[in-house]
Amino acid sequence: MKYYAGIDIGSTTSKVVILDGHKNIVDFSIVRNSYDLSKSGNTVFENSLNRTGLSKNGISYIISTGYGRRTIKLQDAAEPEVICHAKGTVHLIPTCRTIIDIGGQDSKIIELDERRVKNFQMNDKCSAGTGRYLDALAKNVLGIELEQLGELSLKSKDPIKLSSQCTIFAESEIISFLSHSEPVENVIAGMHLSLARRVIQMGVTANIPFNKDIVLSGGVAKNRGMVETISKLLKQEIITPGEPQITGALGAALIAIEREL
């Protein structure tokens, strides 16, 4: 049996997927990045090798992708993250026609025509349109863990309206709401609404029609509050993969199989 690997080195986390020749997932691993992206990429790869008992020489072909795809030397080739995210998502959800991927430091919307990328738009300049926005506000202002946001937001009856387009100014707004005894669940729901609107507007600006099926991927897809908020704004069901952070690495591994063949 031959094995193939995709390594996705993002701005916040690194992911690896190892496939066998039948495109079955043998293992996947996710690690939070250190300042050294090359080291993070090697670490996440070694994690999966150790769990599977495989050696690097046992991997027939390796594709890297993501923000830091060129920082490591063990890959056979590198591919753009948009192509890999599309490939991996369609493999898991063949009916997907729109991908909304919200990561730690960037976000992207990808329009698909069957299995081809038709259009895409990325935000990698401002944290207000990424998962970093929620992370910063949760820790710096609310003093709660990121993982708590989703469930708390679902209890909201009246989300606050944040006018600031900047994470720093949003902090001041939230502090003001809290000082006037606004329930924390309304504050969190307002944060979700602000982020969701910003990401959706990015797609509207790029003339992406948000055709169904719409798939939400990236770490933010684990947040039920964000999934429901985006669903309500688009008036469509939002699908999330079982492990929404590995779609890029999966797509890279699938391309590795094609390349080796």
C-alpha atoms as a PDB file:
ATOM      1  CA  MET A   1       0.000   0.000   0.000  1.00  0.00           C
ATOM      2  CA  LYS A   2       1.236   3.472  -0.904  1.00  0.00           C
ATOM      3  CA  TYR A   3       0.647   6.505   1.317  1.00  0.00           C
ATOM      4  CA  TYR A   4       0.362  10.202   0.558  1.00  0.00           C
ATOM      5  CA  ALA A   5       0.447  13.331   2.722  1.00  0.00           C
ATOM      6  CA  GLY A   6      -0.904  16.846   2.611  1.00  0.00           C
ATOM      7  CA  ILE A   7       0.513  19.440   5.010  1.00  0.00           C
ATOM      8  CA  ASP A   8      -1.388  22.694   5.496  1.00  0.00           C
ATOM      9  CA  ILE A   9       0.674  25.301   7.346  1.00  0.00           C
ATOM     10  CA  GLY A  10      -1.743  28.080   8.226  1.00  0.00           C
ATOM     11  CA  SER A  11      -1.096  31.290  10.092  1.00  0.00           C
ATOM     12  CA  THR A  12      -2.355  29.853  13.400  1.00  0.00           C
ATOM     13  CA  THR A  13      -2.280  26.056  13.109  1.00  0.00           C
ATOM     14  CA  SER A  14      -0.600  23.378  11.009  1.00  0.00           C
ATOM     15  CA  LYS A  15      -2.503  20.328   9.811  1.00  0.00           C
ATOM     16  CA  VAL A  16      -1.526  17.070   8.121  1.00  0.00           C
ATOM     17  CA  VAL A  17      -3.605  14.356   6.470  1.00  0.00           C
ATOM     18  CA  ILE A  18      -2.181  10.990   5.422  1.00  0.00           C
ATOM     19  CA  LEU A  19      -4.127   9.019   2.810  1.00  0.00           C
ATOM     20  CA  ASP A  20      -3.704   5.513   1.498  1.00  0.00           C
ATOM     21  CA  GLY A  21      -3.859   4.767  -2.217  1.00  0.00           C
ATOM     22  CA  HIS A  22      -7.645   4.332  -2.012  1.00  0.00           C
ATOM     23  CA  LYS A  23      -8.046   7.886  -0.688  1.00  0.00           C
ATOM     24  CA  ASN A  24      -8.932   6.710   2.808  1.00  0.00           C
ATOM     25  CA  ILE A  25      -7.771   8.914   5.701  1.00  0.00           C
ATOM     26  CA  VAL A  26      -5.162   6.921   7.615  1.00  0.00           C
ATOM     27  CA  ASP A  27      -4.439   9.710  10.101  1.00  0.00           C
ATOM     28  CA  PHE A  28      -4.639  13.449  10.611  1.00  0.00           C
ATOM     29  CA  SER A  29      -3.043  15.796  13.095  1.00  0.00           C
ATOM     30  CA  ILE A  30      -3.438  19.449  14.119  1.00  0.00           C
ATOM     31  CA  VAL A  31      -0.961  21.549  16.128  1.00  0.00           C
ATOM     32  CA  ARG A  32      -0.935  25.202  17.114  1.00  0.00           C
ATOM     33  CA  ASN A  33       1.921  27.016  15.417  1.00  0.00           C
ATOM     34  CA  SER A  34       4.983  28.339  17.156  1.00  0.00           C
ATOM     35  CA  TYR A  35       6.835  31.359  15.783  1.00  0.00           C
ATOM     36  CA  ASP A  36       8.783  28.911  13.587  1.00  0.00           C
ATOM     37  CA  LEU A  37       6.370  27.742  10.876  1.00  0.00           C
ATOM     38  CA  SER A  38       8.882  25.277   9.468  1.00  0.00           C
ATOM     39  CA  LYS A  39       9.197  23.604  12.853  1.00  0.00           C
ATOM     40  CA  SER A  40       5.414  23.489  13.246  1.00  0.00           C
ATOM     41  CA  GLY A  41       5.025  21.846   9.843  1.00  0.00           C
ATOM     42  CA  ASN A  42       7.622  19.234  10.655  1.00  0.00           C
ATOM     43  CA  THR A  43       6.097  18.623  14.098  1.00  0.00           C
ATOM     44  CA  VAL A  44       2.578  17.991  12.821  1.00  0.00           C
ATOM     45  CA  PHE A  45       3.963  15.618  10.155  1.00  0.00           C
ATOM     46  CA  GLU A  46       6.026  13.716  12.728  1.00  0.00           C
ATOM     47  CA  ASN A  47       2.953  13.396  14.966  1.00  0.00           C
ATOM     48  CA  SER A  48       1.066  11.492  12.293  1.00  0.00           C
ATOM     49  CA  LEU A  49       4.090   9.408  11.316  1.00  0.00           C
ATOM     50  CA  ASN A  50       4.531   8.335  14.937  1.00  0.00           C
ATOM     51  CA  ARG A  51       0.874   7.384  15.317  1.00  0.00           C
ATOM     52  CA  THR A  52       0.777   5.369  12.101  1.00  0.00           C
ATOM     53  CA  GLY A  53       4.221   3.797  12.442  1.00  0.00           C
ATOM     54  CA  LEU A  54       5.151   5.119   8.997  1.00  0.00           C
ATOM     55  CA  SER A  55       8.460   6.738   8.091  1.00  0.00           C
ATOM     56  CA  LYS A  56       8.969   9.702   5.771  1.00  0.00           C
ATOM     57  CA  ASN A  57      10.354   7.277   3.197  1.00  0.00           C
ATOM     58  CA  GLY A  58       7.061   5.404   3.435  1.00  0.00           C
ATOM     59  CA  ILE A  59       5.168   8.438   2.094  1.00  0.00           C
ATOM     60  CA  SER A  60       5.150   8.325  -1.709  1.00  0.00           C
ATOM     61  CA  TYR A  61       4.380  11.994  -2.326  1.00  0.00           C
ATOM     62  CA  ILE A  62       3.907  15.075  -0.126  1.00  0.00           C
ATOM     63  CA  ILE A  63       2.131  18.321  -1.036  1.00  0.00           C
ATOM     64  CA  SER A  64       2.298  21.396   1.187  1.00  0.00           C
ATOM     65  CA  THR A  65      -0.197  24.250   1.169  1.00  0.00           C
ATOM     66  CA  GLY A  66      -1.290  27.226   3.241  1.00  0.00           C
ATOM     67  CA  TYR A  67       0.322  30.427   4.445  1.00  0.00           C
ATOM     68  CA  GLY A  68       3.648  28.762   5.247  1.00  0.00           C
ATOM     69  CA  ARG A  69       3.710  26.118   2.529  1.00  0.00           C
ATOM     70  CA  ARG A  70       7.197  27.092   1.338  1.00  0.00           C
ATOM     71  CA  THR A  71       8.792  27.174   4.790  1.00  0.00           C
ATOM     72  CA  ILE A  72       9.327  23.411   4.963  1.00  0.00           C
ATOM     73  CA  LYS A  73      11.693  21.341   2.833  1.00  0.00           C
ATOM     74  CA  LEU A  74      10.194  17.858   3.110  1.00  0.00           C
ATOM     75  CA  GLN A  75       7.447  18.359   0.495  1.00  0.00           C
ATOM     76  CA  ASP A  76       7.666  17.274  -3.118  1.00  0.00           C
ATOM     77  CA  ALA A  77       5.618  20.265  -4.285  1.00  0.00           C
ATOM     78  CA  ALA A  78       3.517  23.162  -2.988  1.00  0.00           C
ATOM     79  CA  GLU A  79      -0.009  24.126  -4.049  1.00  0.00           C
ATOM     80  CA  PRO A  80      -2.168  27.251  -3.427  1.00  0.00           C
ATOM     81  CA  GLU A  81      -4.494  26.927  -0.445  1.00  0.00           C
ATOM     82  CA  VAL A  82      -7.647  27.869  -2.392  1.00  0.00           C
ATOM     83  CA  ILE A  83      -7.164  24.901  -4.732  1.00  0.00           C
ATOM     84  CA  CYS A  84      -6.475  22.529  -1.843  1.00  0.00           C
ATOM     85  CA  HIS A  85      -9.431  23.709   0.258  1.00  0.00           C
ATOM     86  CA  ALA A  86     -11.741  23.267  -2.722  1.00  0.00           C
ATOM     87  CA  LYS A  87     -10.380  19.808  -3.493  1.00  0.00           C
ATOM     88  CA  GLY A  88     -10.654  18.584   0.083  1.00  0.00           C
ATOM     89  CA  THR A  89     -14.108  20.022   0.717  1.00  0.00           C
ATOM     90  CA  VAL A  90     -15.627  18.609  -2.466  1.00  0.00           C
ATOM     91  CA  HIS A  91     -14.133  15.207  -1.630  1.00  0.00           C
ATOM     92  CA  LEU A  92     -15.998  15.253   1.692  1.00  0.00           C
ATOM     93  CA  ILE A  93     -19.154  17.021   0.455  1.00  0.00           C
ATOM     94  CA  PRO A  94     -19.554  16.564  -3.329  1.00  0.00           C
ATOM     95  CA  THR A  95     -22.635  18.831  -3.459  1.00  0.00           C
ATOM     96  CA  CYS A  96     -20.662  21.836  -2.152  1.00  0.00           C
ATOM     97  CA  ARG A  97     -20.845  24.928  -4.369  1.00  0.00           C
ATOM     98  CA  THR A  98     -19.688  27.603  -1.893  1.00  0.00           C
ATOM     99  CA  ILE A  99     -16.977  27.363   0.747  1.00  0.00           C
ATOM    100  CA  ILE A 100     -16.724  29.853   3.600  1.00  0.00           C
ATOM    101  CA  ASP A 101     -13.428  29.230   5.360  1.00  0.00           C
ATOM    102  CA  ILE A 102     -12.751  31.302   8.487  1.00  0.00           C
ATOM    103  CA  GLY A 103      -9.348  30.671  10.010  1.00  0.00           C
ATOM    104  CA  GLY A 104      -7.349  32.249  12.779  1.00  0.00           C
ATOM    105  CA  GLN A 105      -5.726  35.016  10.734  1.00  0.00           C
ATOM    106  CA  ASP A 106      -7.522  34.998   7.385  1.00  0.00           C
ATOM    107  CA  SER A 107     -10.821  34.098   5.787  1.00  0.00           C
ATOM    108  CA  LYS A 108     -11.796  33.112   2.281  1.00  0.00           C
ATOM    109  CA  ILE A 109     -14.917  32.483   0.222  1.00  0.00           C
ATOM    110  CA  ILE A 110     -14.655  30.090  -2.711  1.00  0.00           C
ATOM    111  CA  GLU A 111     -17.266  29.655  -5.432  1.00  0.00           C
ATOM    112  CA  LEU A 112     -17.266  26.254  -7.120  1.00  0.00           C
ATOM    113  CA  ASP A 113     -18.642  25.129 -10.461  1.00  0.00           C
ATOM    114  CA  GLU A 114     -18.990  21.389  -9.914  1.00  0.00           C
ATOM    115  CA  ARG A 115     -15.360  20.558  -9.011  1.00  0.00           C
ATOM    116  CA  ARG A 116     -13.656  23.658 -10.375  1.00  0.00           C
ATOM    117  CA  VAL A 117     -12.878  26.900  -8.557  1.00  0.00           C
ATOM    118  CA  LYS A 118     -14.900  29.557 -10.360  1.00  0.00           C
ATOM    119  CA  ASN A 119     -14.190  32.572  -8.150  1.00  0.00           C
ATOM    120  CA  PHE A 120     -12.758  33.364  -4.733  1.00  0.00           C
ATOM    121  CA  GLN A 121     -12.109  36.219  -2.362  1.00  0.00           C
ATOM    122  CA  MET A 122      -9.666  36.358   0.560  1.00  0.00           C
ATOM    123  CA  ASN A 123      -9.211  38.571   3.601  1.00  0.00           C
ATOM    124  CA  ASP A 124      -5.740  38.380   5.114  1.00  0.00           C
ATOM    125  CA  LYS A 125      -5.227  42.054   5.977  1.00  0.00           C
ATOM    126  CA  CYS A 126      -7.557  42.716   8.918  1.00  0.00           C
ATOM    127  CA  SER A 127      -8.250  40.523  11.946  1.00  0.00           C
ATOM    128  CA  ALA A 128     -11.828  41.856  12.199  1.00  0.00           C
ATOM    129  CA  GLY A 129     -12.882  39.426   9.452  1.00  0.00           C
ATOM    130  CA  THR A 130     -11.206  36.362  10.944  1.00  0.00           C
ATOM    131  CA  GLY A 131     -11.291  34.045  13.925  1.00  0.00           C
ATOM    132  CA  ARG A 132      -8.714  36.275  15.592  1.00  0.00           C
ATOM    133  CA  TYR A 133     -11.501  38.814  16.120  1.00  0.00           C
ATOM    134  CA  LEU A 134     -13.453  36.398  18.343  1.00  0.00           C
ATOM    135  CA  ASP A 135     -10.312  35.116  20.051  1.00  0.00           C
ATOM    136  CA  ALA A 136      -9.082  38.574  21.012  1.00  0.00           C
ATOM    137  CA  LEU A 137     -12.450  39.786  22.296  1.00  0.00           C
ATOM    138  CA  ALA A 138     -13.132  36.581  24.249  1.00  0.00           C
ATOM    139  CA  LYS A 139      -9.787  36.624  26.058  1.00  0.00           C
ATOM    140  CA  ASN A 140      -9.031  40.332  26.342  1.00  0.00           C
ATOM    141  CA  VAL A 141     -12.485  41.669  27.171  1.00  0.00           C
ATOM    142  CA  LEU A 142     -14.799  38.877  28.289  1.00  0.00           C
ATOM    143  CA  GLY A 143     -12.205  36.731  30.043  1.00  0.00           C
ATOM    144  CA  ILE A 144     -13.675  33.477  28.739  1.00  0.00           C
ATOM    145  CA  GLU A 145     -12.346  30.649  26.611  1.00  0.00           C
ATOM    146  CA  LEU A 146     -12.938  30.694  22.859  1.00  0.00           C
ATOM    147  CA  GLU A 147     -14.668  27.297  23.076  1.00  0.00           C
ATOM    148  CA  GLN A 148     -17.404  28.773  25.308  1.00  0.00           C
ATOM    149  CA  LEU A 149     -18.580  31.386  22.805  1.00  0.00           C
ATOM    150  CA  GLY A 150     -20.833  29.196  20.690  1.00  0.00           C
ATOM    151  CA  GLU A 151     -23.046  27.780  23.424  1.00  0.00           C
ATOM    152  CA  LEU A 152     -23.318  31.105  25.253  1.00  0.00           C
ATOM    153  CA  SER A 153     -24.341  32.986  22.106  1.00  0.00           C
ATOM    154  CA  LEU A 154     -27.211  30.564  21.482  1.00  0.00           C
ATOM    155  CA  LYS A 155     -28.828  31.791  24.706  1.00  0.00           C
ATOM    156  CA  SER A 156     -29.045  35.365  23.400  1.00  0.00           C
ATOM    157  CA  LYS A 157     -32.439  37.026  22.969  1.00  0.00           C
ATOM    158  CA  ASP A 158     -31.209  40.389  21.698  1.00  0.00           C
ATOM    159  CA  PRO A 159     -27.706  40.585  20.150  1.00  0.00           C
ATOM    160  CA  ILE A 160     -25.918  43.890  20.545  1.00  0.00           C
ATOM    161  CA  LYS A 161     -25.054  45.926  17.448  1.00  0.00           C
ATOM    162  CA  LEU A 162     -21.364  46.688  17.064  1.00  0.00           C
ATOM    163  CA  SER A 163     -20.583  49.624  14.772  1.00  0.00           C
ATOM    164  CA  SER A 164     -16.779  49.408  14.841  1.00  0.00           C
ATOM    165  CA  GLN A 165     -14.959  47.873  11.891  1.00  0.00           C
ATOM    166  CA  CYS A 166     -11.826  47.392  14.004  1.00  0.00           C
ATOM    167  CA  THR A 167     -11.126  44.833  16.726  1.00  0.00           C
ATOM    168  CA  ILE A 168      -9.524  47.437  18.992  1.00  0.00           C
ATOM    169  CA  PHE A 169     -12.495  49.810  18.789  1.00  0.00           C
ATOM    170  CA  ALA A 170     -14.912  46.896  19.174  1.00  0.00           C
ATOM    171  CA  GLU A 171     -13.252  46.193  22.533  1.00  0.00           C
ATOM    172  CA  SER A 172     -14.188  49.669  23.735  1.00  0.00           C
ATOM    173  CA  GLU A 173     -17.765  49.242  22.535  1.00  0.00           C
ATOM    174  CA  ILE A 174     -18.114  45.908  24.310  1.00  0.00           C
ATOM    175  CA  ILE A 175     -16.698  47.278  27.555  1.00  0.00           C
ATOM    176  CA  SER A 176     -19.316  50.030  27.363  1.00  0.00           C
ATOM    177  CA  PHE A 177     -22.140  47.511  26.846  1.00  0.00           C
ATOM    178  CA  LEU A 178     -20.931  45.392  29.757  1.00  0.00           C
ATOM    179  CA  SER A 179     -20.677  48.439  32.031  1.00  0.00           C
ATOM    180  CA  HIS A 180     -24.377  49.007  31.377  1.00  0.00           C
ATOM    181  CA  SER A 181     -25.158  45.419  32.482  1.00  0.00           C
ATOM    182  CA  GLU A 182     -25.743  44.005  29.014  1.00  0.00           C
ATOM    183  CA  PRO A 183     -25.982  40.173  29.310  1.00  0.00           C
ATOM    184  CA  VAL A 184     -22.782  38.528  28.106  1.00  0.00           C
ATOM    185  CA  GLU A 185     -24.695  36.202  25.764  1.00  0.00           C
ATOM    186  CA  ASN A 186     -26.070  39.248  23.896  1.00  0.00           C
ATOM    187  CA  VAL A 187     -22.550  40.634  23.609  1.00  0.00           C
ATOM    188  CA  ILE A 188     -21.200  37.364  22.202  1.00  0.00           C
ATOM    189  CA  ALA A 189     -24.089  37.026  19.752  1.00  0.00           C
ATOM    190  CA  GLY A 190     -23.350  40.582  18.592  1.00  0.00           C
ATOM    191  CA  MET A 191     -19.698  39.639  18.045  1.00  0.00           C
ATOM    192  CA  HIS A 192     -20.783  36.684  15.914  1.00  0.00           C
ATOM    193  CA  LEU A 193     -23.168  38.861  13.944  1.00  0.00           C
ATOM    194  CA  SER A 194     -20.462  41.442  13.270  1.00  0.00           C
ATOM    195  CA  LEU A 195     -17.971  38.845  12.040  1.00  0.00           C
ATOM    196  CA  ALA A 196     -20.556  37.002   9.933  1.00  0.00           C
ATOM    197  CA  ARG A 197     -21.694  40.189   8.203  1.00  0.00           C
ATOM    198  CA  ARG A 198     -18.115  41.177   7.444  1.00  0.00           C
ATOM    199  CA  VAL A 199     -17.300  37.808   5.901  1.00  0.00           C
ATOM    200  CA  ILE A 200     -20.515  37.674   3.872  1.00  0.00           C
ATOM    201  CA  GLN A 201     -19.941  41.212   2.586  1.00  0.00           C
ATOM    202  CA  MET A 202     -16.528  40.088   1.363  1.00  0.00           C
ATOM    203  CA  GLY A 203     -18.273  37.546  -0.855  1.00  0.00           C
ATOM    204  CA  VAL A 204     -20.922  40.016  -2.018  1.00  0.00           C
ATOM    205  CA  THR A 205     -18.186  42.463  -3.049  1.00  0.00           C
ATOM    206  CA  ALA A 206     -16.611  39.707  -5.162  1.00  0.00           C
ATOM    207  CA  ASN A 207     -20.008  38.868  -6.748  1.00  0.00           C
ATOM    208  CA  ILE A 208     -20.048  35.395  -5.214  1.00  0.00           C
ATOM    209  CA  PRO A 209     -23.732  34.272  -5.171  1.00  0.00           C
ATOM    210  CA  PHE A 210     -23.531  31.860  -2.181  1.00  0.00           C
ATOM    211  CA  ASN A 211     -25.085  28.972  -4.085  1.00  0.00           C
ATOM    212  CA  LYS A 212     -25.942  25.877  -2.067  1.00  0.00           C
ATOM    213  CA  ASP A 213     -24.644  23.678  -0.705  1.00  0.00           C
ATOM    214  CA  ILE A 214     -22.676  26.086   1.483  1.00  0.00           C
ATOM    215  CA  VAL A 215     -19.889  24.570   3.590  1.00  0.00           C
ATOM    216  CA  LEU A 216     -18.255  26.365   6.517  1.00  0.00           C
ATOM    217  CA  SER A 217     -14.712  25.242   7.296  1.00  0.00           C
ATOM    218  CA  GLY A 218     -11.807  26.425   9.423  1.00  0.00           C
ATOM    219  CA  GLY A 219     -11.560  26.532  13.191  1.00  0.00           C
ATOM    220  CA  VAL A 220     -14.525  28.923  13.496  1.00  0.00           C
ATOM    221  CA  ALA A 221     -16.770  26.207  12.020  1.00  0.00           C
ATOM    222  CA  LYS A 222     -16.567  24.444  15.407  1.00  0.00           C
ATOM    223  CA  ASN A 223     -18.487  27.371  16.905  1.00  0.00           C
ATOM    224  CA  ARG A 224     -22.222  26.529  16.744  1.00  0.00           C
ATOM    225  CA  GLY A 225     -23.141  30.147  17.315  1.00  0.00           C
ATOM    226  CA  MET A 226     -21.244  31.254  14.205  1.00  0.00           C
ATOM    227  CA  VAL A 227     -22.753  28.464  12.110  1.00  0.00           C
ATOM    228  CA  GLU A 228     -26.282  29.503  13.092  1.00  0.00           C
ATOM    229  CA  THR A 229     -25.561  33.207  12.605  1.00  0.00           C
ATOM    230  CA  ILE A 230     -24.256  32.731   9.061  1.00  0.00           C
ATOM    231  CA  SER A 231     -27.170  30.407   8.292  1.00  0.00           C
ATOM    232  CA  LYS A 232     -29.712  33.026   9.397  1.00  0.00           C
ATOM    233  CA  LEU A 233     -28.064  35.832   7.448  1.00  0.00           C
ATOM    234  CA  LEU A 234     -27.860  33.794   4.232  1.00  0.00           C
ATOM    235  CA  LYS A 235     -31.238  32.106   4.841  1.00  0.00           C
ATOM    236  CA  GLN A 236     -29.650  28.791   3.932  1.00  0.00           C
ATOM    237  CA  GLU A 237     -28.490  25.676   5.728  1.00  0.00           C
ATOM    238  CA  ILE A 238     -24.768  25.680   6.482  1.00  0.00           C
ATOM    239  CA  ILE A 239     -22.913  22.353   6.371  1.00  0.00           C
ATOM    240  CA  THR A 240     -19.787  21.753   8.441  1.00  0.00           C
ATOM    241  CA  PRO A 241     -17.369  18.850   7.824  1.00  0.00           C
ATOM    242  CA  GLY A 242     -16.713  16.407  10.650  1.00  0.00           C
ATOM    243  CA  GLU A 243     -13.279  17.963  11.182  1.00  0.00           C
ATOM    244  CA  PRO A 244     -13.483  21.412   9.558  1.00  0.00           C
ATOM    245  CA  GLN A 245      -9.810  22.312   9.989  1.00  0.00           C
ATOM    246  CA  ILE A 246      -8.313  19.616   7.770  1.00  0.00           C
ATOM    247  CA  THR A 247      -9.956  20.313   4.392  1.00  0.00           C
ATOM    248  CA  GLY A 248      -6.856  22.081   3.029  1.00  0.00           C
ATOM    249  CA  ALA A 249      -4.496  19.308   4.112  1.00  0.00           C
ATOM    250  CA  LEU A 250      -6.903  16.705   2.732  1.00  0.00           C
ATOM    251  CA  GLY A 251      -7.022  18.465  -0.621  1.00  0.00           C
ATOM    252  CA  ALA A 252      -3.228  18.614  -0.695  1.00  0.00           C
ATOM    253  CA  ALA A 253      -3.022  14.877  -0.017  1.00  0.00           C
ATOM    254  CA  LEU A 254      -5.523  14.167  -2.793  1.00  0.00           C
ATOM    255  CA  ILE A 255      -3.425  16.225  -5.215  1.00  0.00           C
ATOM    256  CA  ALA A 256      -0.371  14.244  -4.036  1.00  0.00           C
ATOM    257  CA  ILE A 257      -2.073  11.038  -5.186  1.00  0.00           C
ATOM    258  CA  GLU A 258      -2.790  12.562  -8.599  1.00  0.00           C
ATOM    259  CA  ARG A 259       0.765  13.857  -8.945  1.00  0.00           C
ATOM    260  CA  GLU A 260       2.374  10.542  -8.058  1.00  0.00           C
ATOM    261  CA  LEU A 261       0.169   8.709 -10.517  1.00  0.00           C
END
